[in-house]
Amino acid sequence: MGIGFRIFLVSDDDSLERISFSLYERLLRDDSEECLPQYAGKQIRYALVAVDLVRRKPVGILHTQYAFLRFDSEGKLDSKEREREARLAVELFPPLPDQEHPAQLIDARHRFARKRYANEYLWQPSPEIEATIVEAIFGKHPW
């Protein structure tokens, strides 16, 4: 048993392009050699799928994240946008208890940040896209 990852870029017509996890990691690390010029200046939907593996074959889906990748004019991940996303992600954590403020005061900034993060950085797939992803992972009939 093990865990593997599948990365799918989702085009405007809802077709999928699978990229390797190593390419995805190199893009995230801002590897100077790695870029996808066909996506220069664009925002692309993607699905990051964690799969349960038995003998290196996928047997189940553990988790799926549907998010956006924003590319700069060279086809590299937009570093300013990634920094903005990271700053907002820090705001998702609830504040630590504070002795200076009354207990009746509720700090809900993290709840608003969660909604803002979901609106700006996540997307919801259609049932057809989900089915296409399942088919791409398991083949025509996984059951």
C-alpha atoms as a PDB file:
ATOM      1  CA  MET A   1       0.000   0.000   0.000  1.00  0.00           C
ATOM      2  CA  GLY A   2       1.094   3.551  -0.637  1.00  0.00           C
ATOM      3  CA  ILE A   3      -0.032   6.956  -1.714  1.00  0.00           C
ATOM      4  CA  GLY A   4       0.446   8.468  -5.147  1.00  0.00           C
ATOM      5  CA  PHE A   5      -0.543  11.754  -6.719  1.00  0.00           C
ATOM      6  CA  ARG A   6      -2.139  12.534 -10.046  1.00  0.00           C
ATOM      7  CA  ILE A   7      -2.170  16.078 -11.403  1.00  0.00           C
ATOM      8  CA  PHE A   8      -4.615  17.076 -14.114  1.00  0.00           C
ATOM      9  CA  LEU A   9      -4.752  20.453 -15.815  1.00  0.00           C
ATOM     10  CA  VAL A  10      -8.317  21.232 -16.909  1.00  0.00           C
ATOM     11  CA  SER A  11      -8.671  23.279 -20.083  1.00  0.00           C
ATOM     12  CA  ASP A  12     -11.500  25.670 -20.925  1.00  0.00           C
ATOM     13  CA  ASP A  13     -13.314  22.897 -22.818  1.00  0.00           C
ATOM     14  CA  ASP A  14     -13.034  20.633 -19.690  1.00  0.00           C
ATOM     15  CA  SER A  15     -10.526  18.279 -21.302  1.00  0.00           C
ATOM     16  CA  LEU A  16      -7.725  16.965 -19.103  1.00  0.00           C
ATOM     17  CA  GLU A  17      -3.974  17.070 -19.497  1.00  0.00           C
ATOM     18  CA  ARG A  18      -2.095  14.954 -17.009  1.00  0.00           C
ATOM     19  CA  ILE A  19       1.283  16.227 -15.874  1.00  0.00           C
ATOM     20  CA  SER A  20       3.750  14.330 -13.743  1.00  0.00           C
ATOM     21  CA  PHE A  21       3.988  15.046 -10.047  1.00  0.00           C
ATOM     22  CA  SER A  22       7.704  15.766 -10.489  1.00  0.00           C
ATOM     23  CA  LEU A  23       6.921  18.464 -13.083  1.00  0.00           C
ATOM     24  CA  TYR A  24       4.313  19.925 -10.720  1.00  0.00           C
ATOM     25  CA  GLU A  25       6.894  20.020  -7.903  1.00  0.00           C
ATOM     26  CA  ARG A  26       9.463  21.695 -10.160  1.00  0.00           C
ATOM     27  CA  LEU A  27       6.902  24.341 -11.122  1.00  0.00           C
ATOM     28  CA  LEU A  28       6.145  24.957  -7.442  1.00  0.00           C
ATOM     29  CA  ARG A  29       9.853  25.186  -6.599  1.00  0.00           C
ATOM     30  CA  ASP A  30      10.236  27.781  -9.352  1.00  0.00           C
ATOM     31  CA  ASP A  31      12.849  25.686 -11.101  1.00  0.00           C
ATOM     32  CA  SER A  32      14.585  28.032 -13.534  1.00  0.00           C
ATOM     33  CA  GLU A  33      14.323  25.476 -16.352  1.00  0.00           C
ATOM     34  CA  GLU A  34      10.659  24.605 -15.895  1.00  0.00           C
ATOM     35  CA  CYS A  35       7.795  26.446 -17.550  1.00  0.00           C
ATOM     36  CA  LEU A  36       4.667  25.743 -19.553  1.00  0.00           C
ATOM     37  CA  PRO A  37       4.702  28.426 -22.279  1.00  0.00           C
ATOM     38  CA  GLN A  38       1.326  27.328 -23.650  1.00  0.00           C
ATOM     39  CA  TYR A  39      -0.234  28.673 -20.418  1.00  0.00           C
ATOM     40  CA  ALA A  40       1.687  31.969 -20.301  1.00  0.00           C
ATOM     41  CA  GLY A  41      -0.437  34.732 -18.807  1.00  0.00           C
ATOM     42  CA  LYS A  42      -3.327  32.381 -18.045  1.00  0.00           C
ATOM     43  CA  GLN A  43      -5.146  31.003 -15.052  1.00  0.00           C
ATOM     44  CA  ILE A  44      -5.671  27.249 -15.355  1.00  0.00           C
ATOM     45  CA  ARG A  45      -7.874  24.964 -13.293  1.00  0.00           C
ATOM     46  CA  TYR A  46      -6.203  21.864 -11.953  1.00  0.00           C
ATOM     47  CA  ALA A  47      -7.029  18.807  -9.886  1.00  0.00           C
ATOM     48  CA  LEU A  48      -4.562  17.328  -7.423  1.00  0.00           C
ATOM     49  CA  VAL A  49      -5.677  13.792  -6.606  1.00  0.00           C
ATOM     50  CA  ALA A  50      -4.181  11.661  -3.824  1.00  0.00           C
ATOM     51  CA  VAL A  51      -4.717   7.991  -4.666  1.00  0.00           C
ATOM     52  CA  ASP A  52      -4.343   4.844  -2.623  1.00  0.00           C
ATOM     53  CA  LEU A  53      -1.940   2.449  -4.343  1.00  0.00           C
ATOM     54  CA  VAL A  54      -1.592  -1.324  -4.089  1.00  0.00           C
ATOM     55  CA  ARG A  55       1.349  -2.740  -6.037  1.00  0.00           C
ATOM     56  CA  ARG A  56       1.663   0.684  -7.683  1.00  0.00           C
ATOM     57  CA  LYS A  57      -1.894   0.475  -9.064  1.00  0.00           C
ATOM     58  CA  PRO A  58      -4.555   2.963  -7.913  1.00  0.00           C
ATOM     59  CA  VAL A  59      -7.339   1.323  -5.905  1.00  0.00           C
ATOM     60  CA  GLY A  60      -9.051   4.357  -4.409  1.00  0.00           C
ATOM     61  CA  ILE A  61      -9.140   8.123  -4.207  1.00  0.00           C
ATOM     62  CA  LEU A  62      -8.129   9.510  -0.824  1.00  0.00           C
ATOM     63  CA  HIS A  63      -8.536  13.229  -1.453  1.00  0.00           C
ATOM     64  CA  THR A  64      -8.991  15.654  -4.325  1.00  0.00           C
ATOM     65  CA  GLN A  65      -8.185  19.352  -4.376  1.00  0.00           C
ATOM     66  CA  TYR A  66      -9.536  21.550  -7.153  1.00  0.00           C
ATOM     67  CA  ALA A  67      -7.615  24.808  -7.430  1.00  0.00           C
ATOM     68  CA  PHE A  68      -6.065  27.270  -9.867  1.00  0.00           C
ATOM     69  CA  LEU A  69      -2.560  27.727 -11.201  1.00  0.00           C
ATOM     70  CA  ARG A  70      -1.733  31.224 -12.387  1.00  0.00           C
ATOM     71  CA  PHE A  71       1.088  31.579 -14.879  1.00  0.00           C
ATOM     72  CA  ASP A  72       3.200  34.629 -15.628  1.00  0.00           C
ATOM     73  CA  SER A  73       4.109  35.890 -19.107  1.00  0.00           C
ATOM     74  CA  GLU A  74       6.859  33.240 -19.449  1.00  0.00           C
ATOM     75  CA  GLY A  75       4.707  30.259 -18.468  1.00  0.00           C
ATOM     76  CA  LYS A  76       6.130  29.962 -14.948  1.00  0.00           C
ATOM     77  CA  LEU A  77       3.902  29.973 -11.898  1.00  0.00           C
ATOM     78  CA  ASP A  78       3.160  33.575 -10.935  1.00  0.00           C
ATOM     79  CA  SER A  79       5.304  34.112  -7.829  1.00  0.00           C
ATOM     80  CA  LYS A  80       3.459  37.256  -6.695  1.00  0.00           C
ATOM     81  CA  GLU A  81       0.137  35.447  -6.857  1.00  0.00           C
ATOM     82  CA  ARG A  82       1.578  32.447  -4.989  1.00  0.00           C
ATOM     83  CA  GLU A  83       2.838  34.779  -2.254  1.00  0.00           C
ATOM     84  CA  ARG A  84      -0.590  36.426  -2.020  1.00  0.00           C
ATOM     85  CA  GLU A  85      -2.210  32.989  -1.746  1.00  0.00           C
ATOM     86  CA  ALA A  86       0.240  31.944   0.988  1.00  0.00           C
ATOM     87  CA  ARG A  87      -0.490  35.100   2.996  1.00  0.00           C
ATOM     88  CA  LEU A  88      -4.205  34.433   2.786  1.00  0.00           C
ATOM     89  CA  ALA A  89      -3.665  30.775   3.726  1.00  0.00           C
ATOM     90  CA  VAL A  90      -2.020  31.885   6.993  1.00  0.00           C
ATOM     91  CA  GLU A  91      -5.176  33.842   7.813  1.00  0.00           C
ATOM     92  CA  LEU A  92      -7.201  30.604   7.646  1.00  0.00           C
ATOM     93  CA  PHE A  93      -5.984  29.580  11.104  1.00  0.00           C
ATOM     94  CA  PRO A  94      -8.125  30.673  14.043  1.00  0.00           C
ATOM     95  CA  PRO A  95      -6.449  33.113  16.414  1.00  0.00           C
ATOM     96  CA  LEU A  96      -4.845  31.923  19.620  1.00  0.00           C
ATOM     97  CA  PRO A  97      -6.740  32.715  22.840  1.00  0.00           C
ATOM     98  CA  ASP A  98      -6.013  36.261  23.939  1.00  0.00           C
ATOM     99  CA  GLN A  99      -6.100  37.263  27.610  1.00  0.00           C
ATOM    100  CA  GLU A 100      -6.454  40.969  26.778  1.00  0.00           C
ATOM    101  CA  HIS A 101      -9.821  40.712  25.009  1.00  0.00           C
ATOM    102  CA  PRO A 102     -13.104  39.643  26.610  1.00  0.00           C
ATOM    103  CA  ALA A 103     -14.208  36.060  26.041  1.00  0.00           C
ATOM    104  CA  GLN A 104     -17.507  37.332  24.606  1.00  0.00           C
ATOM    105  CA  LEU A 105     -15.626  38.838  21.685  1.00  0.00           C
ATOM    106  CA  ILE A 106     -15.450  36.432  18.749  1.00  0.00           C
ATOM    107  CA  ASP A 107     -12.657  36.875  16.238  1.00  0.00           C
ATOM    108  CA  ALA A 108     -14.106  35.603  12.958  1.00  0.00           C
ATOM    109  CA  ARG A 109     -11.406  36.870  10.603  1.00  0.00           C
ATOM    110  CA  HIS A 110     -10.304  33.304   9.841  1.00  0.00           C
ATOM    111  CA  ARG A 111     -13.857  32.396   8.776  1.00  0.00           C
ATOM    112  CA  PHE A 112     -13.971  35.285   6.325  1.00  0.00           C
ATOM    113  CA  ALA A 113     -10.496  34.385   5.098  1.00  0.00           C
ATOM    114  CA  ARG A 114     -11.674  30.805   4.457  1.00  0.00           C
ATOM    115  CA  LYS A 115     -14.533  32.084   2.291  1.00  0.00           C
ATOM    116  CA  ARG A 116     -12.233  34.476   0.450  1.00  0.00           C
ATOM    117  CA  TYR A 117      -9.684  31.705  -0.130  1.00  0.00           C
ATOM    118  CA  ALA A 118     -12.367  29.375  -1.503  1.00  0.00           C
ATOM    119  CA  ASN A 119     -13.707  32.108  -3.803  1.00  0.00           C
ATOM    120  CA  GLU A 120     -10.302  33.113  -5.171  1.00  0.00           C
ATOM    121  CA  TYR A 121      -8.295  29.884  -5.247  1.00  0.00           C
ATOM    122  CA  LEU A 122     -10.645  26.898  -5.403  1.00  0.00           C
ATOM    123  CA  TRP A 123     -13.232  25.697  -7.898  1.00  0.00           C
ATOM    124  CA  GLN A 124     -15.961  23.059  -7.944  1.00  0.00           C
ATOM    125  CA  PRO A 125     -15.901  20.451 -10.716  1.00  0.00           C
ATOM    126  CA  SER A 126     -18.945  19.324 -12.619  1.00  0.00           C
ATOM    127  CA  PRO A 127     -19.974  15.660 -12.294  1.00  0.00           C
ATOM    128  CA  GLU A 128     -18.655  15.157 -15.844  1.00  0.00           C
ATOM    129  CA  ILE A 129     -15.194  16.459 -14.946  1.00  0.00           C
ATOM    130  CA  GLU A 130     -15.115  14.268 -11.833  1.00  0.00           C
ATOM    131  CA  ALA A 131     -16.106  11.238 -13.933  1.00  0.00           C
ATOM    132  CA  THR A 132     -13.414  12.033 -16.499  1.00  0.00           C
ATOM    133  CA  ILE A 133     -10.802  12.225 -13.740  1.00  0.00           C
ATOM    134  CA  VAL A 134     -11.932   8.901 -12.266  1.00  0.00           C
ATOM    135  CA  GLU A 135     -11.791   7.326 -15.721  1.00  0.00           C
ATOM    136  CA  ALA A 136      -8.301   8.774 -16.316  1.00  0.00           C
ATOM    137  CA  ILE A 137      -7.084   7.247 -13.039  1.00  0.00           C
ATOM    138  CA  PHE A 138      -8.761   3.859 -13.121  1.00  0.00           C
ATOM    139  CA  GLY A 139      -9.733   3.251 -16.734  1.00  0.00           C
ATOM    140  CA  LYS A 140     -13.208   2.769 -18.157  1.00  0.00           C
ATOM    141  CA  HIS A 141     -14.749   0.789 -15.292  1.00  0.00           C
ATOM    142  CA  PRO A 142     -12.849   0.953 -12.004  1.00  0.00           C
ATOM    143  CA  TRP A 143     -15.388  -1.193 -10.178  1.00  0.00           C
END
